[in-house]
Amino acid sequence: FHIEAHLEGISDISRRLGMAAAIMLISLIGGRIIPSFTRNWLVRENPGRLPAPFDRFDKASLVISATALGAWTFAPDHGASGTLMAVAAVCQAWRLQRWAGERTLRDPLVLILHLAYAFVPIGLAFVSASIFFPAMVPAAAGLHALGTGAVGAMTLAVMTRATLGHTGLKLKAGRGALFIFVAVLLAGSLRVLAAFVPNGAVIDMAGAAWVAAFAGFALVYGTALMMPKAR
């Protein structure tokens, strides 16, 4: 980042590379923990269709996504990058639906993982659309769907679950967790909307929701994180 900014005066490649790395981490790690947590909850609470196990389709989706993100990093306006992004979006969307997220509506701690991951195919699709239809779809829409949406929501989803587990609290989403989840999903959605609507008020609302989500996490779980683990 700093080297590119020093040599070129801009850091576009580095910023896209950082975003690509974050999305691949979500795709790889999320692709393991989301179906695992979903399976565990469904077996216990709602027997029926279970998430598909990690298989060759998941591996192919990861390879396609990595290739698409790599192409976009270095050639963000090329048609090949747009095509690869579109294929990656379809693969990621199909991958997500294989995890039976629609069957987890009764457990917000599991559901939020699916909703956060949904921003990945949405973001990839927006990036692809912005390459082919730049007059209709701004590039910022895809960036914010991936950043504010996928990275932001997944970060809080995993932080909340990990905090409950490692502090000895009951693995259940209370009102505080629900507030955090709604706020971060609202922040991601509004920030994407702001790319289409040139209105500062929408950006302000997105920012307020973002601050509310992370400040809410600190307020709700800060004390538990600083205290000895409950037994």
Protein backbone atom coordinates (compact mmCIF):
# COMPACT_ATOMS: atom_id res chain seq x y z
CA PHE A 1 0.00 0.00 0.00
CA HIS A 2 2.60 2.55 1.10
CA ILE A 3 5.08 1.54 -1.59
CA GLU A 4 2.47 1.84 -4.33
CA ALA A 5 1.28 5.18 -2.96
CA HIS A 6 4.88 6.43 -2.81
CA LEU A 7 5.80 5.27 -6.31
CA GLU A 8 2.53 5.83 -8.15
CA GLY A 9 0.79 8.47 -6.07
CA ILE A 10 -2.24 6.17 -5.69
CA SER A 11 -2.89 2.83 -4.01
CA ASP A 12 -5.73 1.37 -6.07
CA ILE A 13 -4.14 -2.04 -6.68
CA SER A 14 -3.17 -2.44 -3.03
CA ARG A 15 -6.66 -1.54 -1.83
CA ARG A 16 -8.28 -4.00 -4.22
CA LEU A 17 -5.74 -6.64 -3.22
CA GLY A 18 -6.58 -6.11 0.45
CA MET A 19 -10.29 -6.45 -0.26
CA ALA A 20 -9.69 -9.56 -2.35
CA ALA A 21 -7.69 -11.15 0.47
CA ALA A 22 -10.46 -10.42 2.99
CA ILE A 23 -13.14 -11.91 0.74
CA MET A 24 -11.07 -15.03 0.15
CA LEU A 25 -10.61 -15.46 3.90
CA ILE A 26 -14.38 -15.20 4.36
CA SER A 27 -14.92 -17.65 1.51
CA LEU A 28 -12.43 -20.15 2.91
CA ILE A 29 -13.07 -19.91 6.66
CA GLY A 30 -16.74 -19.02 6.35
CA GLY A 31 -17.13 -21.96 4.00
CA ARG A 32 -16.05 -24.20 6.85
CA ILE A 33 -17.66 -22.70 9.94
CA ILE A 34 -21.04 -21.66 8.50
CA PRO A 35 -22.12 -25.14 7.35
CA SER A 36 -20.58 -26.65 10.49
CA PHE A 37 -22.44 -24.39 12.93
CA THR A 38 -25.59 -24.73 10.84
CA ARG A 39 -25.39 -28.52 10.81
CA ASN A 40 -24.86 -28.68 14.58
CA TRP A 41 -27.87 -26.46 15.25
CA LEU A 42 -30.15 -28.21 12.76
CA VAL A 43 -29.34 -31.68 14.07
CA ARG A 44 -30.22 -30.49 17.55
CA GLU A 45 -33.15 -28.17 16.90
CA ASN A 46 -34.63 -28.66 13.42
CA PRO A 47 -33.92 -32.07 11.85
CA GLY A 48 -34.28 -32.25 8.09
CA ARG A 49 -32.19 -30.98 5.19
CA LEU A 50 -28.60 -30.40 6.29
CA PRO A 51 -25.81 -28.31 4.74
CA ALA A 52 -23.92 -30.02 1.94
CA PRO A 53 -20.45 -31.18 3.02
CA PHE A 54 -17.36 -29.43 1.68
CA ASP A 55 -16.69 -31.03 -1.70
CA ARG A 56 -15.27 -30.44 -5.17
CA PHE A 57 -17.85 -27.76 -5.91
CA ASP A 58 -16.60 -25.72 -2.95
CA LYS A 59 -13.02 -26.16 -4.09
CA ALA A 60 -13.92 -25.09 -7.62
CA SER A 61 -15.83 -22.07 -6.28
CA LEU A 62 -12.80 -20.99 -4.27
CA VAL A 63 -10.50 -21.32 -7.27
CA ILE A 64 -12.91 -19.38 -9.49
CA SER A 65 -13.38 -16.68 -6.85
CA ALA A 66 -9.63 -16.32 -6.31
CA THR A 67 -9.07 -16.06 -10.06
CA ALA A 68 -11.85 -13.49 -10.44
CA LEU A 69 -10.62 -11.37 -7.54
CA GLY A 70 -7.06 -11.56 -8.83
CA ALA A 71 -8.12 -10.43 -12.29
CA TRP A 72 -10.17 -7.59 -10.81
CA THR A 73 -7.26 -6.51 -8.62
CA PHE A 74 -4.95 -5.91 -11.57
CA ALA A 75 -7.45 -5.30 -14.41
CA PRO A 76 -10.57 -3.84 -12.78
CA ASP A 77 -12.12 -2.59 -16.01
CA HIS A 78 -11.40 -5.54 -18.31
CA GLY A 79 -14.28 -7.58 -19.69
CA ALA A 80 -12.58 -10.82 -18.64
CA SER A 81 -12.58 -9.61 -15.03
CA GLY A 82 -16.28 -8.83 -15.30
CA THR A 83 -17.05 -12.27 -16.72
CA LEU A 84 -15.04 -14.04 -14.04
CA MET A 85 -16.72 -11.98 -11.34
CA ALA A 86 -20.15 -12.93 -12.68
CA VAL A 87 -19.26 -16.63 -12.68
CA ALA A 88 -17.81 -16.31 -9.16
CA ALA A 89 -21.00 -14.59 -7.97
CA VAL A 90 -23.14 -17.44 -9.28
CA CYS A 91 -20.87 -20.05 -7.69
CA GLN A 92 -20.87 -18.26 -4.33
CA ALA A 93 -24.64 -17.83 -4.39
CA TRP A 94 -25.16 -21.51 -5.18
CA ARG A 95 -22.65 -22.43 -2.50
CA LEU A 96 -24.56 -20.38 0.07
CA GLN A 97 -27.92 -21.94 -0.74
CA ARG A 98 -26.39 -25.41 -0.23
CA TRP A 99 -25.91 -24.56 3.46
CA ALA A 100 -29.64 -24.56 4.35
CA GLY A 101 -29.61 -21.08 5.83
CA GLU A 102 -33.36 -20.68 5.32
CA ARG A 103 -33.86 -23.35 7.99
CA THR A 104 -32.07 -21.34 10.70
CA LEU A 105 -34.56 -18.48 11.09
CA ARG A 106 -35.12 -19.34 14.75
CA ASP A 107 -31.47 -18.83 15.71
CA PRO A 108 -30.07 -15.36 14.93
CA LEU A 109 -26.54 -16.47 15.86
CA VAL A 110 -26.55 -18.92 12.96
CA LEU A 111 -28.73 -16.90 10.61
CA ILE A 112 -26.46 -13.84 10.75
CA LEU A 113 -23.59 -15.93 9.36
CA HIS A 114 -25.65 -16.72 6.26
CA LEU A 115 -26.85 -13.13 5.86
CA ALA A 116 -23.31 -11.79 6.19
CA TYR A 117 -22.01 -14.28 3.63
CA ALA A 118 -24.79 -13.28 1.23
CA PHE A 119 -22.98 -9.98 0.72
CA VAL A 120 -20.16 -11.92 -1.00
CA PRO A 121 -22.11 -13.00 -4.11
CA ILE A 122 -24.01 -9.71 -4.06
CA GLY A 123 -20.76 -7.75 -4.03
CA LEU A 124 -19.19 -9.88 -6.75
CA ALA A 125 -22.29 -9.41 -8.90
CA PHE A 126 -22.22 -5.64 -8.43
CA VAL A 127 -18.52 -5.52 -9.35
CA SER A 128 -19.25 -7.48 -12.52
CA ALA A 129 -22.21 -5.26 -13.39
CA SER A 130 -20.15 -2.11 -12.83
CA ILE A 131 -17.61 -3.33 -15.38
CA PHE A 132 -20.19 -4.05 -18.08
CA PHE A 133 -22.69 -1.29 -17.23
CA PRO A 134 -20.67 1.51 -15.61
CA ALA A 135 -23.32 4.11 -16.38
CA MET A 136 -25.93 2.14 -14.45
CA VAL A 137 -23.94 0.46 -11.67
CA PRO A 138 -21.24 2.46 -9.87
CA ALA A 139 -18.06 0.64 -8.91
CA ALA A 140 -18.57 1.75 -5.31
CA ALA A 141 -21.64 -0.48 -5.01
CA GLY A 142 -19.60 -3.66 -5.28
CA LEU A 143 -16.80 -2.36 -3.08
CA HIS A 144 -19.16 -1.45 -0.25
CA ALA A 145 -21.18 -4.65 -0.54
CA LEU A 146 -17.94 -6.57 -0.07
CA GLY A 147 -16.41 -4.25 2.53
CA THR A 148 -19.15 -2.77 4.69
CA GLY A 149 -21.46 -5.71 4.01
CA ALA A 150 -19.47 -8.95 3.89
CA VAL A 151 -16.42 -7.97 5.95
CA GLY A 152 -18.30 -5.83 8.45
CA ALA A 153 -21.21 -8.18 9.08
CA MET A 154 -19.09 -11.34 9.15
CA THR A 155 -16.65 -9.72 11.58
CA LEU A 156 -19.40 -8.90 14.08
CA ALA A 157 -21.16 -12.23 13.53
CA VAL A 158 -18.04 -14.21 14.40
CA MET A 159 -16.95 -11.82 17.17
CA THR A 160 -20.31 -12.17 18.88
CA ARG A 161 -20.38 -15.95 18.67
CA ALA A 162 -16.77 -16.27 19.80
CA THR A 163 -17.32 -13.86 22.69
CA LEU A 164 -20.28 -15.84 23.99
CA GLY A 165 -18.38 -19.10 23.72
CA HIS A 166 -15.11 -17.94 25.24
CA THR A 167 -16.64 -16.01 28.13
CA GLY A 168 -18.82 -18.90 29.24
CA LEU A 169 -22.06 -17.12 28.39
CA LYS A 170 -25.05 -18.95 26.94
CA LEU A 171 -24.72 -19.39 23.18
CA LYS A 172 -27.87 -17.43 22.45
CA ALA A 173 -28.50 -14.06 20.81
CA GLY A 174 -30.11 -11.66 23.24
CA ARG A 175 -31.57 -8.26 22.48
CA GLY A 176 -28.11 -6.71 22.41
CA ALA A 177 -26.88 -9.14 19.78
CA LEU A 178 -30.02 -8.62 17.70
CA PHE A 179 -29.43 -4.86 17.79
CA ILE A 180 -25.83 -5.36 16.64
CA PHE A 181 -26.84 -7.65 13.78
CA VAL A 182 -29.63 -5.40 12.54
CA ALA A 183 -27.38 -2.33 12.74
CA VAL A 184 -24.51 -3.84 10.75
CA LEU A 185 -26.82 -5.30 8.09
CA LEU A 186 -28.51 -1.92 7.80
CA ALA A 187 -25.12 -0.21 7.51
CA GLY A 188 -24.06 -2.51 4.68
CA SER A 189 -27.34 -2.14 2.81
CA LEU A 190 -27.47 1.64 3.16
CA ARG A 191 -23.85 2.04 2.09
CA VAL A 192 -24.55 0.09 -1.10
CA LEU A 193 -27.68 2.17 -1.67
CA ALA A 194 -25.63 5.35 -1.22
CA ALA A 195 -23.57 4.38 -4.26
CA PHE A 196 -26.72 4.71 -6.37
CA VAL A 197 -28.31 7.64 -4.56
CA PRO A 198 -26.15 10.80 -4.49
CA ASN A 199 -27.50 11.86 -1.13
CA GLY A 200 -25.26 12.61 1.82
CA ALA A 201 -28.05 11.69 4.22
CA VAL A 202 -27.91 8.04 3.12
CA ILE A 203 -24.16 7.90 3.75
CA ASP A 204 -24.70 9.53 7.15
CA MET A 205 -27.32 6.93 8.05
CA ALA A 206 -25.01 4.14 6.93
CA GLY A 207 -22.21 5.58 9.03
CA ALA A 208 -24.47 5.96 12.05
CA ALA A 209 -25.62 2.35 11.74
CA TRP A 210 -21.99 1.20 11.41
CA VAL A 211 -20.96 3.09 14.55
CA ALA A 212 -24.02 1.79 16.39
CA ALA A 213 -23.15 -1.80 15.49
CA PHE A 214 -19.54 -1.72 16.67
CA ALA A 215 -20.17 0.58 19.63
CA GLY A 216 -23.08 -1.67 20.53
CA PHE A 217 -20.76 -4.68 20.55
CA ALA A 218 -18.37 -2.88 22.91
CA LEU A 219 -21.21 -1.89 25.24
CA VAL A 220 -22.94 -5.28 25.24
CA TYR A 221 -19.89 -7.52 25.51
CA GLY A 222 -17.09 -5.27 26.74
CA THR A 223 -17.57 -6.12 30.40
CA ALA A 224 -17.73 -9.87 29.76
CA LEU A 225 -14.52 -9.72 27.74
CA MET A 226 -12.66 -7.99 30.58
CA MET A 227 -13.91 -10.30 33.34
CA PRO A 228 -12.83 -13.86 34.21
CA LYS A 229 -14.64 -16.55 32.22
CA ALA A 230 -18.01 -17.46 33.70
CA ARG A 231 -18.27 -21.02 34.99
